[in-house]
């Protein structure tokens, strides 16, 4: 299987971010290759895979298990497409495992936000972490999109942040108009991340971005476990826009969601910047 996985990886590198592929490959190195890496691709059957992944299930690591199964199926589907096997026998293997009910990212209400902001500002978190929190809240982007922001994506003259399509995992880049508060954060970070290409540079690794889990860890430390997540900050913003009766299409665009049919989404290039 390992040789086929390497061929899959060579193709995948053209479609996803290097850091994402690195994490996916590491997951396979830990949970798949030790058990089935040396097996011929046509001998990888559900029974063998279930035995290999059973320990993950017993440990309650549902998310890791789901992601590992998804990666396995990507490799097997790749093998089918290249005529290496006739079909993928593991397509429905996730039905064997009784996953817990998935839940949305928890989020407080907009009315509770001032209390959270105060808790963050008076916490012992680093200044970079506090500014990343505020920047993510103001821009309503996903955690990884904020933590991996680069200076080259920021247009200071026009106060625009353009996230490339490959970072959005979409067909087109996403353009975000930056408020005066967001620009103030960027100017503060300029004096901190002087030699880095990343806006929010890691204070541990040279020229690396802060982890996308930084805000989640801070929220847990502040007692917001199961009440608020970093991704859930988008929910607060979207809820507030709804409360303000902002046009639905515009509000959805603020969180990079296109509305309408699949065909309509392809042809609709409106960005609602104004």
C-alpha atoms as a PDB file:
ATOM      1  CA  UNK A   1       0.000   0.000   0.000  1.00  0.00           C
ATOM      2  CA  UNK A   2       2.836   2.388   0.823  1.00  0.00           C
ATOM      3  CA  UNK A   3       3.988   2.715  -2.784  1.00  0.00           C
ATOM      4  CA  UNK A   4       0.453   3.583  -3.930  1.00  0.00           C
ATOM      5  CA  UNK A   5       0.085   6.044  -1.048  1.00  0.00           C
ATOM      6  CA  UNK A   6       3.278   7.767  -2.171  1.00  0.00           C
ATOM      7  CA  UNK A   7       1.850   8.162  -5.684  1.00  0.00           C
ATOM      8  CA  UNK A   8      -1.372   9.550  -4.170  1.00  0.00           C
ATOM      9  CA  UNK A   9       0.694  11.974  -2.105  1.00  0.00           C
ATOM     10  CA  UNK A  10       2.562  13.219  -5.192  1.00  0.00           C
ATOM     11  CA  UNK A  11      -0.786  14.128  -6.792  1.00  0.00           C
ATOM     12  CA  UNK A  12      -2.296  15.508  -3.595  1.00  0.00           C
ATOM     13  CA  UNK A  13       0.528  18.001  -3.107  1.00  0.00           C
ATOM     14  CA  UNK A  14      -0.867  19.986  -6.045  1.00  0.00           C
ATOM     15  CA  UNK A  15      -4.277  20.371  -4.405  1.00  0.00           C
ATOM     16  CA  UNK A  16      -3.768  21.053  -0.685  1.00  0.00           C
ATOM     17  CA  UNK A  17      -1.552  23.134   1.557  1.00  0.00           C
ATOM     18  CA  UNK A  18       1.785  21.597   2.497  1.00  0.00           C
ATOM     19  CA  UNK A  19       0.969  21.740   6.210  1.00  0.00           C
ATOM     20  CA  UNK A  20      -2.360  19.942   5.695  1.00  0.00           C
ATOM     21  CA  UNK A  21      -0.731  17.191   3.650  1.00  0.00           C
ATOM     22  CA  UNK A  22       2.017  16.860   6.246  1.00  0.00           C
ATOM     23  CA  UNK A  23      -0.582  16.279   8.983  1.00  0.00           C
ATOM     24  CA  UNK A  24      -2.521  13.800   6.830  1.00  0.00           C
ATOM     25  CA  UNK A  25       0.621  11.852   5.970  1.00  0.00           C
ATOM     26  CA  UNK A  26       1.689  11.760   9.609  1.00  0.00           C
ATOM     27  CA  UNK A  27      -1.729  10.391  10.538  1.00  0.00           C
ATOM     28  CA  UNK A  28      -1.272   7.583   8.008  1.00  0.00           C
ATOM     29  CA  UNK A  29       2.252   6.901   9.256  1.00  0.00           C
ATOM     30  CA  UNK A  30       0.932   6.390  12.773  1.00  0.00           C
ATOM     31  CA  UNK A  31      -2.369   4.587  12.218  1.00  0.00           C
ATOM     32  CA  UNK A  32      -2.164   2.837   8.828  1.00  0.00           C
ATOM     33  CA  UNK A  33       1.329   2.094   7.564  1.00  0.00           C
ATOM     34  CA  UNK A  34       2.520   0.040  10.577  1.00  0.00           C
ATOM     35  CA  UNK A  35      -0.360  -2.381   9.999  1.00  0.00           C
ATOM     36  CA  UNK A  36      -1.081  -2.396   6.262  1.00  0.00           C
ATOM     37  CA  UNK A  37       1.748  -0.365   4.695  1.00  0.00           C
ATOM     38  CA  UNK A  38       3.583  -3.465   3.436  1.00  0.00           C
ATOM     39  CA  UNK A  39       0.445  -5.163   2.111  1.00  0.00           C
ATOM     40  CA  UNK A  40      -0.335  -5.296  -1.638  1.00  0.00           C
ATOM     41  CA  UNK A  41      -3.096  -2.800  -2.405  1.00  0.00           C
ATOM     42  CA  UNK A  42      -5.463  -5.569  -3.593  1.00  0.00           C
ATOM     43  CA  UNK A  43      -5.221  -7.351  -0.221  1.00  0.00           C
ATOM     44  CA  UNK A  44      -6.483  -4.425   1.829  1.00  0.00           C
ATOM     45  CA  UNK A  45      -9.941  -5.585   2.851  1.00  0.00           C
ATOM     46  CA  UNK A  46     -12.379  -4.320   5.521  1.00  0.00           C
ATOM     47  CA  UNK A  47     -11.489  -7.024   8.061  1.00  0.00           C
ATOM     48  CA  UNK A  48      -7.787  -6.089   8.018  1.00  0.00           C
ATOM     49  CA  UNK A  49      -8.494  -2.363   8.271  1.00  0.00           C
ATOM     50  CA  UNK A  50     -11.011  -2.788  11.088  1.00  0.00           C
ATOM     51  CA  UNK A  51      -8.462  -4.729  13.120  1.00  0.00           C
ATOM     52  CA  UNK A  52      -5.831  -2.061  12.457  1.00  0.00           C
ATOM     53  CA  UNK A  53      -8.093   0.807  13.545  1.00  0.00           C
ATOM     54  CA  UNK A  54      -9.899  -0.888  16.430  1.00  0.00           C
ATOM     55  CA  UNK A  55      -7.548   0.571  19.041  1.00  0.00           C
ATOM     56  CA  UNK A  56      -8.425   4.099  17.872  1.00  0.00           C
ATOM     57  CA  UNK A  57     -12.112   3.315  18.280  1.00  0.00           C
ATOM     58  CA  UNK A  58     -11.584   1.814  21.746  1.00  0.00           C
ATOM     59  CA  UNK A  59      -9.741   4.960  22.827  1.00  0.00           C
ATOM     60  CA  UNK A  60     -12.707   7.082  21.777  1.00  0.00           C
ATOM     61  CA  UNK A  61     -10.683   9.006  19.190  1.00  0.00           C
ATOM     62  CA  UNK A  62     -13.619   9.348  16.820  1.00  0.00           C
ATOM     63  CA  UNK A  63     -12.337  12.373  14.920  1.00  0.00           C
ATOM     64  CA  UNK A  64      -8.931  10.809  14.254  1.00  0.00           C
ATOM     65  CA  UNK A  65     -10.603   7.556  13.240  1.00  0.00           C
ATOM     66  CA  UNK A  66     -12.931   9.314  10.784  1.00  0.00           C
ATOM     67  CA  UNK A  67     -10.046  11.242   9.229  1.00  0.00           C
ATOM     68  CA  UNK A  68      -7.895   8.116   8.957  1.00  0.00           C
ATOM     69  CA  UNK A  69     -10.696   6.191   7.224  1.00  0.00           C
ATOM     70  CA  UNK A  70     -11.217   9.117   4.857  1.00  0.00           C
ATOM     71  CA  UNK A  71      -7.512   9.121   3.949  1.00  0.00           C
ATOM     72  CA  UNK A  72      -7.492   5.366   3.423  1.00  0.00           C
ATOM     73  CA  UNK A  73     -10.453   5.664   1.064  1.00  0.00           C
ATOM     74  CA  UNK A  74      -8.735   8.465  -0.845  1.00  0.00           C
ATOM     75  CA  UNK A  75      -5.745   6.188  -1.475  1.00  0.00           C
ATOM     76  CA  UNK A  76      -7.950   3.237  -2.439  1.00  0.00           C
ATOM     77  CA  UNK A  77     -10.071   5.393  -4.758  1.00  0.00           C
ATOM     78  CA  UNK A  78      -6.832   6.642  -6.309  1.00  0.00           C
ATOM     79  CA  UNK A  79      -5.851   3.003  -6.908  1.00  0.00           C
ATOM     80  CA  UNK A  80      -9.220   2.343  -8.580  1.00  0.00           C
ATOM     81  CA  UNK A  81      -8.879   5.382 -10.860  1.00  0.00           C
ATOM     82  CA  UNK A  82      -5.434   4.252 -11.962  1.00  0.00           C
ATOM     83  CA  UNK A  83      -6.568   0.701 -12.670  1.00  0.00           C
ATOM     84  CA  UNK A  84      -4.586  -0.873  -9.827  1.00  0.00           C
ATOM     85  CA  UNK A  85      -7.690  -2.458  -8.258  1.00  0.00           C
ATOM     86  CA  UNK A  86     -11.168  -3.081  -9.653  1.00  0.00           C
ATOM     87  CA  UNK A  87     -13.078  -1.440  -6.798  1.00  0.00           C
ATOM     88  CA  UNK A  88     -12.652   0.024  -3.304  1.00  0.00           C
ATOM     89  CA  UNK A  89     -13.868  -2.591  -0.772  1.00  0.00           C
ATOM     90  CA  UNK A  90     -13.542  -0.187   2.181  1.00  0.00           C
ATOM     91  CA  UNK A  91     -15.895   2.550   1.001  1.00  0.00           C
ATOM     92  CA  UNK A  92     -18.463   1.939   3.745  1.00  0.00           C
ATOM     93  CA  UNK A  93     -16.136   0.795   6.493  1.00  0.00           C
ATOM     94  CA  UNK A  94     -17.076   3.726   8.736  1.00  0.00           C
ATOM     95  CA  UNK A  95     -20.510   2.117   9.202  1.00  0.00           C
ATOM     96  CA  UNK A  96     -18.849  -0.592  11.291  1.00  0.00           C
ATOM     97  CA  UNK A  97     -17.897   1.927  13.976  1.00  0.00           C
ATOM     98  CA  UNK A  98     -20.546   3.457  16.201  1.00  0.00           C
ATOM     99  CA  UNK A  99     -19.419   7.070  16.197  1.00  0.00           C
ATOM    100  CA  UNK A 100     -20.783   9.415  18.807  1.00  0.00           C
ATOM    101  CA  UNK A 101     -23.270  12.033  17.664  1.00  0.00           C
ATOM    102  CA  UNK A 102     -21.449  14.940  16.052  1.00  0.00           C
ATOM    103  CA  UNK A 103     -22.018  18.379  17.547  1.00  0.00           C
ATOM    104  CA  UNK A 104     -21.602  21.861  16.158  1.00  0.00           C
ATOM    105  CA  UNK A 105     -18.904  24.135  17.503  1.00  0.00           C
ATOM    106  CA  UNK A 106     -20.342  25.662  20.699  1.00  0.00           C
ATOM    107  CA  UNK A 107     -20.676  29.425  20.846  1.00  0.00           C
ATOM    108  CA  UNK A 108     -21.921  31.995  23.321  1.00  0.00           C
ATOM    109  CA  UNK A 109     -24.423  34.681  22.322  1.00  0.00           C
ATOM    110  CA  UNK A 110     -23.382  38.148  21.111  1.00  0.00           C
ATOM    111  CA  UNK A 111     -24.674  39.561  24.419  1.00  0.00           C
ATOM    112  CA  UNK A 112     -22.160  37.411  26.301  1.00  0.00           C
ATOM    113  CA  UNK A 113     -19.269  38.500  24.096  1.00  0.00           C
ATOM    114  CA  UNK A 114     -18.140  41.543  26.167  1.00  0.00           C
ATOM    115  CA  UNK A 115     -17.541  39.263  29.143  1.00  0.00           C
ATOM    116  CA  UNK A 116     -15.427  36.910  27.012  1.00  0.00           C
ATOM    117  CA  UNK A 117     -13.404  39.771  25.547  1.00  0.00           C
ATOM    118  CA  UNK A 118     -12.731  41.105  29.041  1.00  0.00           C
ATOM    119  CA  UNK A 119     -11.617  37.641  30.190  1.00  0.00           C
ATOM    120  CA  UNK A 120      -9.231  37.373  27.239  1.00  0.00           C
ATOM    121  CA  UNK A 121      -7.775  40.861  27.672  1.00  0.00           C
ATOM    122  CA  UNK A 122      -7.121  40.344  31.408  1.00  0.00           C
ATOM    123  CA  UNK A 123      -5.770  36.810  30.961  1.00  0.00           C
ATOM    124  CA  UNK A 124      -2.111  35.762  31.078  1.00  0.00           C
ATOM    125  CA  UNK A 125      -2.166  34.861  27.372  1.00  0.00           C
ATOM    126  CA  UNK A 126       0.574  36.367  25.207  1.00  0.00           C
ATOM    127  CA  UNK A 127      -0.087  39.600  23.338  1.00  0.00           C
ATOM    128  CA  UNK A 128       0.105  37.648  20.041  1.00  0.00           C
ATOM    129  CA  UNK A 129      -2.633  35.277  21.228  1.00  0.00           C
ATOM    130  CA  UNK A 130      -4.884  38.129  22.347  1.00  0.00           C
ATOM    131  CA  UNK A 131      -4.447  39.931  19.033  1.00  0.00           C
ATOM    132  CA  UNK A 132      -5.060  36.751  17.044  1.00  0.00           C
ATOM    133  CA  UNK A 133      -8.291  36.230  19.005  1.00  0.00           C
ATOM    134  CA  UNK A 134      -9.496  39.757  18.241  1.00  0.00           C
ATOM    135  CA  UNK A 135      -8.442  39.532  14.579  1.00  0.00           C
ATOM    136  CA  UNK A 136     -10.308  36.260  14.091  1.00  0.00           C
ATOM    137  CA  UNK A 137     -13.369  37.689  15.809  1.00  0.00           C
ATOM    138  CA  UNK A 138     -13.327  40.838  13.648  1.00  0.00           C
ATOM    139  CA  UNK A 139     -12.813  39.036  10.331  1.00  0.00           C
ATOM    140  CA  UNK A 140     -14.987  35.963  11.032  1.00  0.00           C
ATOM    141  CA  UNK A 141     -12.548  33.631   9.275  1.00  0.00           C
ATOM    142  CA  UNK A 142     -11.730  30.053  10.228  1.00  0.00           C
ATOM    143  CA  UNK A 143      -8.976  29.510  12.834  1.00  0.00           C
ATOM    144  CA  UNK A 144      -6.365  28.236  10.349  1.00  0.00           C
ATOM    145  CA  UNK A 145      -7.120  31.056   7.902  1.00  0.00           C
ATOM    146  CA  UNK A 146      -6.363  33.626  10.595  1.00  0.00           C
ATOM    147  CA  UNK A 147      -3.321  31.971  12.160  1.00  0.00           C
ATOM    148  CA  UNK A 148      -1.723  31.342   8.730  1.00  0.00           C
ATOM    149  CA  UNK A 149      -2.269  34.864   7.384  1.00  0.00           C
ATOM    150  CA  UNK A 150       0.790  36.258   5.584  1.00  0.00           C
ATOM    151  CA  UNK A 151       1.846  39.870   5.074  1.00  0.00           C
ATOM    152  CA  UNK A 152       1.761  39.374   1.301  1.00  0.00           C
ATOM    153  CA  UNK A 153      -2.018  38.801   1.539  1.00  0.00           C
ATOM    154  CA  UNK A 154      -2.645  42.216   3.131  1.00  0.00           C
ATOM    155  CA  UNK A 155      -3.212  45.372   1.076  1.00  0.00           C
ATOM    156  CA  UNK A 156      -2.598  48.167   3.598  1.00  0.00           C
ATOM    157  CA  UNK A 157      -3.551  50.931   1.157  1.00  0.00           C
ATOM    158  CA  UNK A 158      -6.985  49.495   0.405  1.00  0.00           C
ATOM    159  CA  UNK A 159      -7.464  47.796   3.798  1.00  0.00           C
ATOM    160  CA  UNK A 160      -8.159  44.462   2.132  1.00  0.00           C
ATOM    161  CA  UNK A 161      -7.097  40.945   3.009  1.00  0.00           C
ATOM    162  CA  UNK A 162      -7.088  38.498   0.092  1.00  0.00           C
ATOM    163  CA  UNK A 163      -6.883  34.851   1.122  1.00  0.00           C
ATOM    164  CA  UNK A 164      -5.699  32.724  -1.845  1.00  0.00           C
ATOM    165  CA  UNK A 165      -8.037  30.058  -3.215  1.00  0.00           C
ATOM    166  CA  UNK A 166      -5.712  27.222  -2.155  1.00  0.00           C
ATOM    167  CA  UNK A 167      -5.891  28.378   1.469  1.00  0.00           C
ATOM    168  CA  UNK A 168      -9.679  28.586   1.250  1.00  0.00           C
ATOM    169  CA  UNK A 169      -9.852  25.179  -0.478  1.00  0.00           C
ATOM    170  CA  UNK A 170     -12.136  26.798  -3.048  1.00  0.00           C
ATOM    171  CA  UNK A 171     -12.128  27.902  -6.691  1.00  0.00           C
ATOM    172  CA  UNK A 172     -11.601  31.588  -5.989  1.00  0.00           C
ATOM    173  CA  UNK A 173      -9.715  33.725  -3.453  1.00  0.00           C
ATOM    174  CA  UNK A 174     -11.689  35.351  -0.652  1.00  0.00           C
ATOM    175  CA  UNK A 175     -11.429  39.121  -0.189  1.00  0.00           C
ATOM    176  CA  UNK A 176     -12.126  40.592   3.241  1.00  0.00           C
ATOM    177  CA  UNK A 177     -12.522  44.345   3.853  1.00  0.00           C
ATOM    178  CA  UNK A 178     -10.612  45.168   7.036  1.00  0.00           C
ATOM    179  CA  UNK A 179     -12.093  47.463   9.677  1.00  0.00           C
ATOM    180  CA  UNK A 180     -10.019  50.159  11.376  1.00  0.00           C
ATOM    181  CA  UNK A 181      -9.815  47.881  14.429  1.00  0.00           C
ATOM    182  CA  UNK A 182      -8.444  45.014  12.320  1.00  0.00           C
ATOM    183  CA  UNK A 183      -5.903  47.353  10.705  1.00  0.00           C
ATOM    184  CA  UNK A 184      -4.815  48.506  14.145  1.00  0.00           C
ATOM    185  CA  UNK A 185      -4.107  44.881  15.081  1.00  0.00           C
ATOM    186  CA  UNK A 186      -2.057  44.376  11.917  1.00  0.00           C
ATOM    187  CA  UNK A 187       0.010  47.470  12.645  1.00  0.00           C
ATOM    188  CA  UNK A 188       0.715  46.193  16.163  1.00  0.00           C
ATOM    189  CA  UNK A 189       1.734  42.802  14.801  1.00  0.00           C
ATOM    190  CA  UNK A 190       4.095  44.477  12.335  1.00  0.00           C
ATOM    191  CA  UNK A 191       6.286  45.583  15.196  1.00  0.00           C
ATOM    192  CA  UNK A 192       6.205  42.071  16.701  1.00  0.00           C
ATOM    193  CA  UNK A 193       6.616  39.885  13.585  1.00  0.00           C
ATOM    194  CA  UNK A 194       9.306  42.023  11.989  1.00  0.00           C
ATOM    195  CA  UNK A 195      11.254  39.260  10.227  1.00  0.00           C
ATOM    196  CA  UNK A 196       8.439  36.795   9.552  1.00  0.00           C
ATOM    197  CA  UNK A 197       6.321  36.269   6.446  1.00  0.00           C
ATOM    198  CA  UNK A 198       3.442  35.407   8.782  1.00  0.00           C
ATOM    199  CA  UNK A 199       1.327  38.026  10.509  1.00  0.00           C
ATOM    200  CA  UNK A 200       0.920  35.891  13.620  1.00  0.00           C
ATOM    201  CA  UNK A 201       4.350  34.348  13.979  1.00  0.00           C
ATOM    202  CA  UNK A 202       4.948  31.455  16.350  1.00  0.00           C
ATOM    203  CA  UNK A 203       7.038  32.439  19.352  1.00  0.00           C
ATOM    204  CA  UNK A 204       8.408  28.879  19.471  1.00  0.00           C
ATOM    205  CA  UNK A 205       9.330  28.060  15.858  1.00  0.00           C
ATOM    206  CA  UNK A 206      11.210  30.500  13.652  1.00  0.00           C
ATOM    207  CA  UNK A 207       9.237  31.822  10.667  1.00  0.00           C
ATOM    208  CA  UNK A 208       6.271  29.565  11.375  1.00  0.00           C
ATOM    209  CA  UNK A 209       2.675  30.685  12.019  1.00  0.00           C
ATOM    210  CA  UNK A 210       0.947  30.265  15.345  1.00  0.00           C
ATOM    211  CA  UNK A 211      -1.018  27.057  15.710  1.00  0.00           C
ATOM    212  CA  UNK A 212      -4.663  27.108  14.649  1.00  0.00           C
ATOM    213  CA  UNK A 213      -5.388  25.516  18.047  1.00  0.00           C
ATOM    214  CA  UNK A 214      -3.907  28.431  20.033  1.00  0.00           C
ATOM    215  CA  UNK A 215      -7.255  30.137  20.596  1.00  0.00           C
ATOM    216  CA  UNK A 216      -8.978  26.866  21.509  1.00  0.00           C
ATOM    217  CA  UNK A 217      -6.367  26.214  24.200  1.00  0.00           C
ATOM    218  CA  UNK A 218      -6.781  29.723  25.571  1.00  0.00           C
ATOM    219  CA  UNK A 219     -10.573  29.378  25.700  1.00  0.00           C
ATOM    220  CA  UNK A 220     -10.279  26.105  27.613  1.00  0.00           C
ATOM    221  CA  UNK A 221      -7.852  27.735  30.061  1.00  0.00           C
ATOM    222  CA  UNK A 222     -10.370  30.551  30.574  1.00  0.00           C
ATOM    223  CA  UNK A 223     -13.123  28.084  31.507  1.00  0.00           C
ATOM    224  CA  UNK A 224     -14.979  28.142  28.179  1.00  0.00           C
ATOM    225  CA  UNK A 225     -14.634  24.438  27.425  1.00  0.00           C
ATOM    226  CA  UNK A 226     -17.834  23.159  25.746  1.00  0.00           C
ATOM    227  CA  UNK A 227     -19.098  26.764  25.698  1.00  0.00           C
ATOM    228  CA  UNK A 228     -16.971  28.435  23.050  1.00  0.00           C
ATOM    229  CA  UNK A 229     -14.460  27.312  20.411  1.00  0.00           C
ATOM    230  CA  UNK A 230     -12.238  29.273  18.044  1.00  0.00           C
ATOM    231  CA  UNK A 231     -14.373  28.184  15.083  1.00  0.00           C
ATOM    232  CA  UNK A 232     -17.462  29.156  17.064  1.00  0.00           C
ATOM    233  CA  UNK A 233     -16.369  32.807  16.948  1.00  0.00           C
ATOM    234  CA  UNK A 234     -17.776  32.747  13.409  1.00  0.00           C
ATOM    235  CA  UNK A 235     -21.130  31.748  14.879  1.00  0.00           C
ATOM    236  CA  UNK A 236     -21.133  34.790  17.168  1.00  0.00           C
ATOM    237  CA  UNK A 237     -20.449  37.061  14.204  1.00  0.00           C
ATOM    238  CA  UNK A 238     -23.020  35.415  11.957  1.00  0.00           C
ATOM    239  CA  UNK A 239     -25.653  35.548  14.704  1.00  0.00           C
ATOM    240  CA  UNK A 240     -24.991  39.243  15.258  1.00  0.00           C
ATOM    241  CA  UNK A 241     -25.398  39.965  11.534  1.00  0.00           C
ATOM    242  CA  UNK A 242     -28.724  38.137  11.557  1.00  0.00           C
ATOM    243  CA  UNK A 243     -29.844  40.149  14.608  1.00  0.00           C
ATOM    244  CA  UNK A 244     -28.991  43.331  12.694  1.00  0.00           C
ATOM    245  CA  UNK A 245     -31.157  42.151   9.772  1.00  0.00           C
ATOM    246  CA  UNK A 246     -28.199  42.203   7.384  1.00  0.00           C
ATOM    247  CA  UNK A 247     -29.112  40.849   3.938  1.00  0.00           C
ATOM    248  CA  UNK A 248     -28.815  37.042   3.976  1.00  0.00           C
ATOM    249  CA  UNK A 249     -26.510  36.804   0.952  1.00  0.00           C
ATOM    250  CA  UNK A 250     -24.203  39.480   2.336  1.00  0.00           C
ATOM    251  CA  UNK A 251     -24.116  37.881   5.790  1.00  0.00           C
ATOM    252  CA  UNK A 252     -23.280  34.501   4.286  1.00  0.00           C
ATOM    253  CA  UNK A 253     -20.514  36.044   2.186  1.00  0.00           C
ATOM    254  CA  UNK A 254     -18.983  37.473   5.371  1.00  0.00           C
ATOM    255  CA  UNK A 255     -18.237  33.901   6.454  1.00  0.00           C
ATOM    256  CA  UNK A 256     -17.240  32.873   2.903  1.00  0.00           C
ATOM    257  CA  UNK A 257     -20.450  30.950   2.210  1.00  0.00           C
ATOM    258  CA  UNK A 258     -21.981  31.219  -1.249  1.00  0.00           C
ATOM    259  CA  UNK A 259     -25.739  30.844  -1.523  1.00  0.00           C
ATOM    260  CA  UNK A 260     -27.819  29.373  -4.344  1.00  0.00           C
ATOM    261  CA  UNK A 261     -27.491  26.309  -6.542  1.00  0.00           C
ATOM    262  CA  UNK A 262     -24.186  24.608  -7.338  1.00  0.00           C
ATOM    263  CA  UNK A 263     -24.268  26.008 -10.884  1.00  0.00           C
ATOM    264  CA  UNK A 264     -25.149  29.457  -9.610  1.00  0.00           C
ATOM    265  CA  UNK A 265     -22.211  29.413  -7.218  1.00  0.00           C
ATOM    266  CA  UNK A 266     -19.820  28.752 -10.093  1.00  0.00           C
ATOM    267  CA  UNK A 267     -21.008  31.730 -12.132  1.00  0.00           C
ATOM    268  CA  UNK A 268     -21.748  34.150  -9.293  1.00  0.00           C
ATOM    269  CA  UNK A 269     -18.602  36.233  -8.648  1.00  0.00           C
ATOM    270  CA  UNK A 270     -20.263  38.921  -6.502  1.00  0.00           C
ATOM    271  CA  UNK A 271     -18.123  39.796  -3.490  1.00  0.00           C
ATOM    272  CA  UNK A 272     -20.377  42.421  -1.801  1.00  0.00           C
ATOM    273  CA  UNK A 273     -17.269  44.363  -0.775  1.00  0.00           C
ATOM    274  CA  UNK A 274     -19.079  47.677  -0.640  1.00  0.00           C
END
